[in-house]
Amino acid sequence: MSVIRTDKWLEKSYNTPELIFKKLSPYFDHLYPKVIANLLIQNGMYQKPEPESEDLLKKLQHNKIWGIVKQEERYLKQEWEGPNLPIFIFPSNSYNRKIREHYNGRTGLAFQDKLFLFISTKTTKEEVKALFTHEYHHACRLLHDQKNDEDYSLLDVIILEGLAENAVYERFGREPLAPWTSYYSDSELEDLWYKVILPNKDLPKTSRKAIQLLYGKSNYPNMIGYCVGYYLVKQYIRKNGRLSRDLIRIPSEEFVLDN
């Protein structure tokens, strides 16, 4: 199914996003458009039209974003034995401060059977490639993991995120990495792992505390879960010398045992 030409959807319905959510209904089993809207908006999709919406779409088309993602999908599908799934590209929420500061205006959402990319006019072509690499790695791991996504623990989620961002580093180096990858030193991350994350690693991913730890909400350090997950993956690779394609099927628990 590959890349869906959502630019055509946006040409007709950018100013009425409820029509876009309605078009997405067939890709979500038993979910109403309003529920789909809440899910996507919570994960970074634009919520309301911007004043210069026409320029936004024209710039995305001029940068050939849909073509770039299609090329990347073709390459990674072969490299990682990945799934053939629908890929949707939409503007990100420019009013969301967290997306601007922690994700550099770009974010995404991956399922086992579909993938979403949310980008801004400031997103470079390299950043688009990096974002797709991150999210498609999620889809590959979710596909090959014997554990159901609903049964994921905090540990499963932080390793999922760490592996995906490591795949970005492996392909493109440090430049397009998410800002959170440099928030803390290795010694700080080791301390955070043993003192904060390890005692809570088996929490269900949907529990309130797991979400707080993942993103660094409440009184926890900013993006602590993401950062520790990336640290654990990097430590594993230093000891075992594996590549991203070799890590997709490795259980989360193995990253703990090697640290």
Protein backbone atom coordinates (compact mmCIF):
# COMPACT_ATOMS: atom_id res chain seq x y z
CA MET A 1 0.00 0.00 0.00
CA SER A 2 2.96 2.26 0.74
CA VAL A 3 2.79 6.07 0.86
CA ILE A 4 -0.72 7.53 0.74
CA ARG A 5 -0.95 10.82 -1.19
CA THR A 6 -2.29 12.76 1.75
CA ASP A 7 -1.21 15.98 0.05
CA LYS A 8 -4.29 15.51 -2.15
CA TRP A 9 -6.40 15.10 0.98
CA LEU A 10 -4.89 18.28 2.40
CA GLU A 11 -5.56 20.23 -0.78
CA LYS A 12 -9.26 19.56 -0.33
CA SER A 13 -9.69 19.30 3.42
CA TYR A 14 -6.84 21.00 5.29
CA ASN A 15 -9.17 23.62 6.76
CA THR A 16 -11.68 20.96 7.83
CA PRO A 17 -9.55 18.25 9.48
CA GLU A 18 -12.65 16.37 10.63
CA LEU A 19 -13.04 15.27 6.99
CA ILE A 20 -9.50 13.90 7.04
CA PHE A 21 -10.18 11.92 10.21
CA LYS A 22 -13.27 10.50 8.54
CA LYS A 23 -11.17 9.34 5.57
CA LEU A 24 -8.86 7.57 8.02
CA SER A 25 -11.69 5.55 9.58
CA PRO A 26 -11.24 2.48 7.31
CA TYR A 27 -7.68 2.10 8.62
CA PHE A 28 -8.82 1.89 12.26
CA ASP A 29 -11.05 -1.00 13.28
CA HIS A 30 -14.12 0.06 15.23
CA LEU A 31 -12.92 3.59 16.02
CA TYR A 32 -15.04 6.68 15.45
CA PRO A 33 -13.42 9.66 13.65
CA LYS A 34 -13.47 11.67 16.89
CA VAL A 35 -11.47 8.96 18.68
CA ILE A 36 -9.02 8.80 15.78
CA ALA A 37 -8.68 12.58 15.92
CA ASN A 38 -7.87 12.54 19.63
CA LEU A 39 -5.29 9.79 19.16
CA LEU A 40 -3.46 11.52 16.30
CA ILE A 41 -3.62 15.00 17.83
CA GLN A 42 -2.23 13.68 21.11
CA ASN A 43 0.72 12.31 19.15
CA GLY A 44 1.50 15.48 17.23
CA MET A 45 -0.81 15.92 14.23
CA TYR A 46 -2.02 19.43 13.49
CA GLN A 47 -5.19 20.33 15.33
CA LYS A 48 -6.35 23.46 13.59
CA PRO A 49 -5.43 25.26 10.36
CA GLU A 50 -2.56 27.72 10.38
CA PRO A 51 -2.85 31.21 8.85
CA GLU A 52 -0.48 30.41 5.97
CA SER A 53 -1.83 26.94 5.22
CA GLU A 54 -1.46 27.28 1.45
CA ASP A 55 2.26 28.02 1.76
CA LEU A 56 2.66 25.07 4.14
CA LEU A 57 1.31 22.51 1.70
CA LYS A 58 3.14 24.02 -1.27
CA LYS A 59 6.45 23.86 0.58
CA LEU A 60 5.94 20.23 1.57
CA GLN A 61 5.11 19.37 -2.04
CA HIS A 62 8.04 21.43 -3.35
CA ASN A 63 10.38 19.50 -1.06
CA LYS A 64 9.00 16.26 -2.53
CA ILE A 65 8.33 14.86 0.93
CA TRP A 66 6.02 12.10 -0.31
CA GLY A 67 8.58 10.94 -2.87
CA ILE A 68 11.40 10.93 -0.32
CA VAL A 69 9.39 8.79 2.10
CA LYS A 70 8.48 6.39 -0.71
CA GLN A 71 12.16 5.87 -1.57
CA GLU A 72 13.07 5.37 2.09
CA GLU A 73 10.26 2.88 2.57
CA ARG A 74 11.39 0.85 -0.43
CA TYR A 75 14.96 0.69 0.89
CA LEU A 76 14.17 -0.12 4.54
CA LYS A 77 11.49 -2.65 3.70
CA GLN A 78 14.18 -4.73 2.02
CA GLU A 79 16.92 -3.95 4.55
CA TRP A 80 14.84 -4.85 7.60
CA GLU A 81 12.38 -7.30 6.03
CA GLY A 82 9.71 -4.81 6.98
CA PRO A 83 5.97 -4.73 6.40
CA ASN A 84 4.13 -3.18 3.48
CA LEU A 85 1.82 -0.75 5.23
CA PRO A 86 0.02 2.53 4.55
CA ILE A 87 2.07 5.61 5.40
CA PHE A 88 0.32 8.90 6.12
CA ILE A 89 2.07 12.30 6.11
CA PHE A 90 0.44 15.33 7.74
CA PRO A 91 1.55 18.68 9.20
CA SER A 92 2.62 18.62 12.83
CA ASN A 93 1.06 20.80 15.51
CA SER A 94 3.08 24.02 15.40
CA TYR A 95 1.28 25.28 18.51
CA ASN A 96 2.66 22.40 20.59
CA ARG A 97 5.71 23.65 22.47
CA LYS A 98 6.93 20.17 23.36
CA ILE A 99 6.99 19.09 19.72
CA ARG A 100 8.89 22.24 18.76
CA GLU A 101 11.48 21.95 21.52
CA HIS A 102 11.97 18.22 22.14
CA TYR A 103 11.27 16.84 18.65
CA ASN A 104 12.39 19.78 16.50
CA GLY A 105 8.92 20.15 14.99
CA ARG A 106 8.64 16.57 13.81
CA THR A 107 7.08 13.48 15.33
CA GLY A 108 5.25 10.33 14.32
CA LEU A 109 3.17 7.37 15.34
CA ALA A 110 3.69 3.75 14.32
CA PHE A 111 1.41 0.73 14.49
CA GLN A 112 1.98 -2.80 13.29
CA ASP A 113 -0.22 -2.10 10.26
CA LYS A 114 0.10 1.65 9.58
CA LEU A 115 2.41 4.60 10.14
CA PHE A 116 2.01 8.37 10.55
CA LEU A 117 4.57 11.15 10.06
CA PHE A 118 3.88 14.67 11.32
CA ILE A 119 6.26 17.33 10.01
CA SER A 120 6.58 21.11 9.71
CA THR A 121 7.79 23.43 6.97
CA LYS A 122 11.09 23.65 8.86
CA THR A 123 11.65 19.90 8.67
CA THR A 124 14.62 19.21 6.40
CA LYS A 125 14.81 16.30 3.97
CA GLU A 126 17.37 14.59 6.21
CA GLU A 127 15.05 15.01 9.18
CA VAL A 128 12.21 13.45 7.20
CA LYS A 129 14.42 10.45 6.42
CA ALA A 130 15.44 10.22 10.08
CA LEU A 131 11.84 10.42 11.28
CA PHE A 132 10.70 7.75 8.87
CA THR A 133 13.62 5.52 9.88
CA HIS A 134 12.63 5.87 13.54
CA GLU A 135 8.93 5.17 13.00
CA TYR A 136 9.39 2.37 10.46
CA HIS A 137 11.77 0.65 12.87
CA HIS A 138 8.92 0.72 15.39
CA ALA A 139 6.61 -0.93 12.87
CA CYS A 140 9.18 -3.64 12.11
CA ARG A 141 9.78 -4.46 15.77
CA LEU A 142 6.05 -4.49 16.53
CA LEU A 143 5.55 -6.88 13.62
CA HIS A 144 8.27 -9.32 14.67
CA ASP A 145 7.82 -9.09 18.44
CA GLN A 146 6.01 -12.10 19.89
CA LYS A 147 4.66 -9.89 22.66
CA ASN A 148 1.45 -7.99 21.89
CA ASP A 149 1.69 -4.21 21.95
CA GLU A 150 -1.07 -4.12 24.59
CA ASP A 151 1.14 -6.17 26.92
CA TYR A 152 4.16 -3.88 26.68
CA SER A 153 5.89 -2.77 29.86
CA LEU A 154 7.84 0.43 30.49
CA LEU A 155 11.01 -1.49 29.63
CA ASP A 156 9.56 -2.64 26.30
CA VAL A 157 8.67 0.92 25.36
CA ILE A 158 11.99 2.52 26.25
CA ILE A 159 13.89 -0.19 24.37
CA LEU A 160 11.54 0.28 21.40
CA GLU A 161 12.39 3.99 21.39
CA GLY A 162 16.09 3.44 21.97
CA LEU A 163 16.37 0.96 19.11
CA ALA A 164 14.53 3.25 16.72
CA GLU A 165 16.74 6.24 17.48
CA ASN A 166 19.85 4.08 17.24
CA ALA A 167 18.72 3.10 13.74
CA VAL A 168 18.70 6.81 12.90
CA TYR A 169 22.23 7.20 14.28
CA GLU A 170 23.42 4.15 12.37
CA ARG A 171 22.15 5.53 9.06
CA PHE A 172 22.76 9.27 9.39
CA GLY A 173 25.07 10.00 12.32
CA ARG A 174 24.41 12.53 15.08
CA GLU A 175 23.09 15.46 13.04
CA PRO A 176 19.41 14.43 12.66
CA LEU A 177 19.08 12.77 16.07
CA ALA A 178 16.26 13.92 18.33
CA PRO A 179 17.40 16.65 20.78
CA TRP A 180 16.66 14.42 23.78
CA THR A 181 19.54 12.08 22.86
CA SER A 182 22.01 14.61 24.28
CA TYR A 183 20.18 15.70 27.43
CA TYR A 184 22.31 13.66 29.85
CA SER A 185 25.80 12.17 30.14
CA ASP A 186 26.37 8.42 30.26
CA SER A 187 27.15 8.57 33.96
CA GLU A 188 23.89 10.42 34.62
CA LEU A 189 21.95 7.91 32.53
CA GLU A 190 23.51 4.96 34.32
CA ASP A 191 22.46 6.50 37.61
CA LEU A 192 18.92 7.19 36.35
CA TRP A 193 18.64 3.62 35.08
CA TYR A 194 19.54 1.95 38.35
CA LYS A 195 17.79 4.38 40.68
CA VAL A 196 14.64 5.30 38.75
CA ILE A 197 13.82 3.13 35.73
CA LEU A 198 15.01 -0.33 36.83
CA PRO A 199 12.73 -0.50 39.91
CA ASN A 200 9.78 0.40 37.65
CA LYS A 201 10.69 -1.46 34.46
CA ASP A 202 7.78 -3.92 34.65
CA LEU A 203 5.05 -1.30 34.96
CA PRO A 204 2.35 -1.63 32.26
CA LYS A 205 3.07 0.94 29.55
CA THR A 206 -0.34 2.55 29.99
CA SER A 207 0.01 3.09 33.74
CA ARG A 208 0.21 6.67 34.92
CA LYS A 209 3.66 6.26 36.43
CA ALA A 210 5.06 4.56 33.31
CA ILE A 211 3.92 7.50 31.18
CA GLN A 212 5.43 9.95 33.66
CA LEU A 213 8.73 8.08 33.53
CA LEU A 214 8.73 7.75 29.76
CA TYR A 215 8.32 11.48 29.11
CA GLY A 216 9.72 12.91 32.33
CA LYS A 217 6.48 14.30 33.66
CA SER A 218 5.70 15.17 37.28
CA ASN A 219 9.04 15.52 39.10
CA TYR A 220 11.03 13.15 36.90
CA PRO A 221 13.91 14.36 34.67
CA ASN A 222 12.88 15.47 31.20
CA MET A 223 12.39 12.59 28.71
CA ILE A 224 14.07 10.19 31.15
CA GLY A 225 12.52 7.03 29.68
CA TYR A 226 13.51 7.82 26.10
CA CYS A 227 17.03 8.80 27.15
CA VAL A 228 17.64 5.74 29.32
CA GLY A 229 16.29 3.45 26.58
CA TYR A 230 18.72 4.93 24.07
CA TYR A 231 21.53 4.55 26.61
CA LEU A 232 20.74 0.86 27.21
CA VAL A 233 20.74 0.15 23.48
CA LYS A 234 24.04 1.96 22.94
CA GLN A 235 25.63 0.04 25.81
CA TYR A 236 24.41 -3.26 24.35
CA ILE A 237 25.84 -2.41 20.94
CA ARG A 238 29.21 -1.43 22.42
CA LYS A 239 29.47 -4.87 24.01
CA ASN A 240 27.94 -6.97 21.22
CA GLY A 241 28.58 -5.04 18.00
CA ARG A 242 25.17 -5.65 16.44
CA LEU A 243 23.45 -3.67 13.65
CA SER A 244 19.87 -2.40 13.69
CA ARG A 245 18.57 -5.19 11.49
CA ASP A 246 19.97 -7.72 13.98
CA LEU A 247 18.37 -6.02 16.97
CA ILE A 248 14.76 -5.93 15.76
CA ARG A 249 13.87 -9.35 17.16
CA ILE A 250 15.92 -9.27 20.38
CA PRO A 251 13.72 -9.31 23.53
CA SER A 252 13.83 -6.20 25.69
CA GLU A 253 15.10 -8.17 28.68
CA GLU A 254 18.39 -8.91 26.92
CA PHE A 255 19.27 -5.23 26.98
CA VAL A 256 18.92 -5.27 30.76
CA LEU A 257 21.08 -8.35 31.28
CA ASP A 258 23.97 -6.76 29.39
CA ASN A 259 24.04 -3.66 31.58
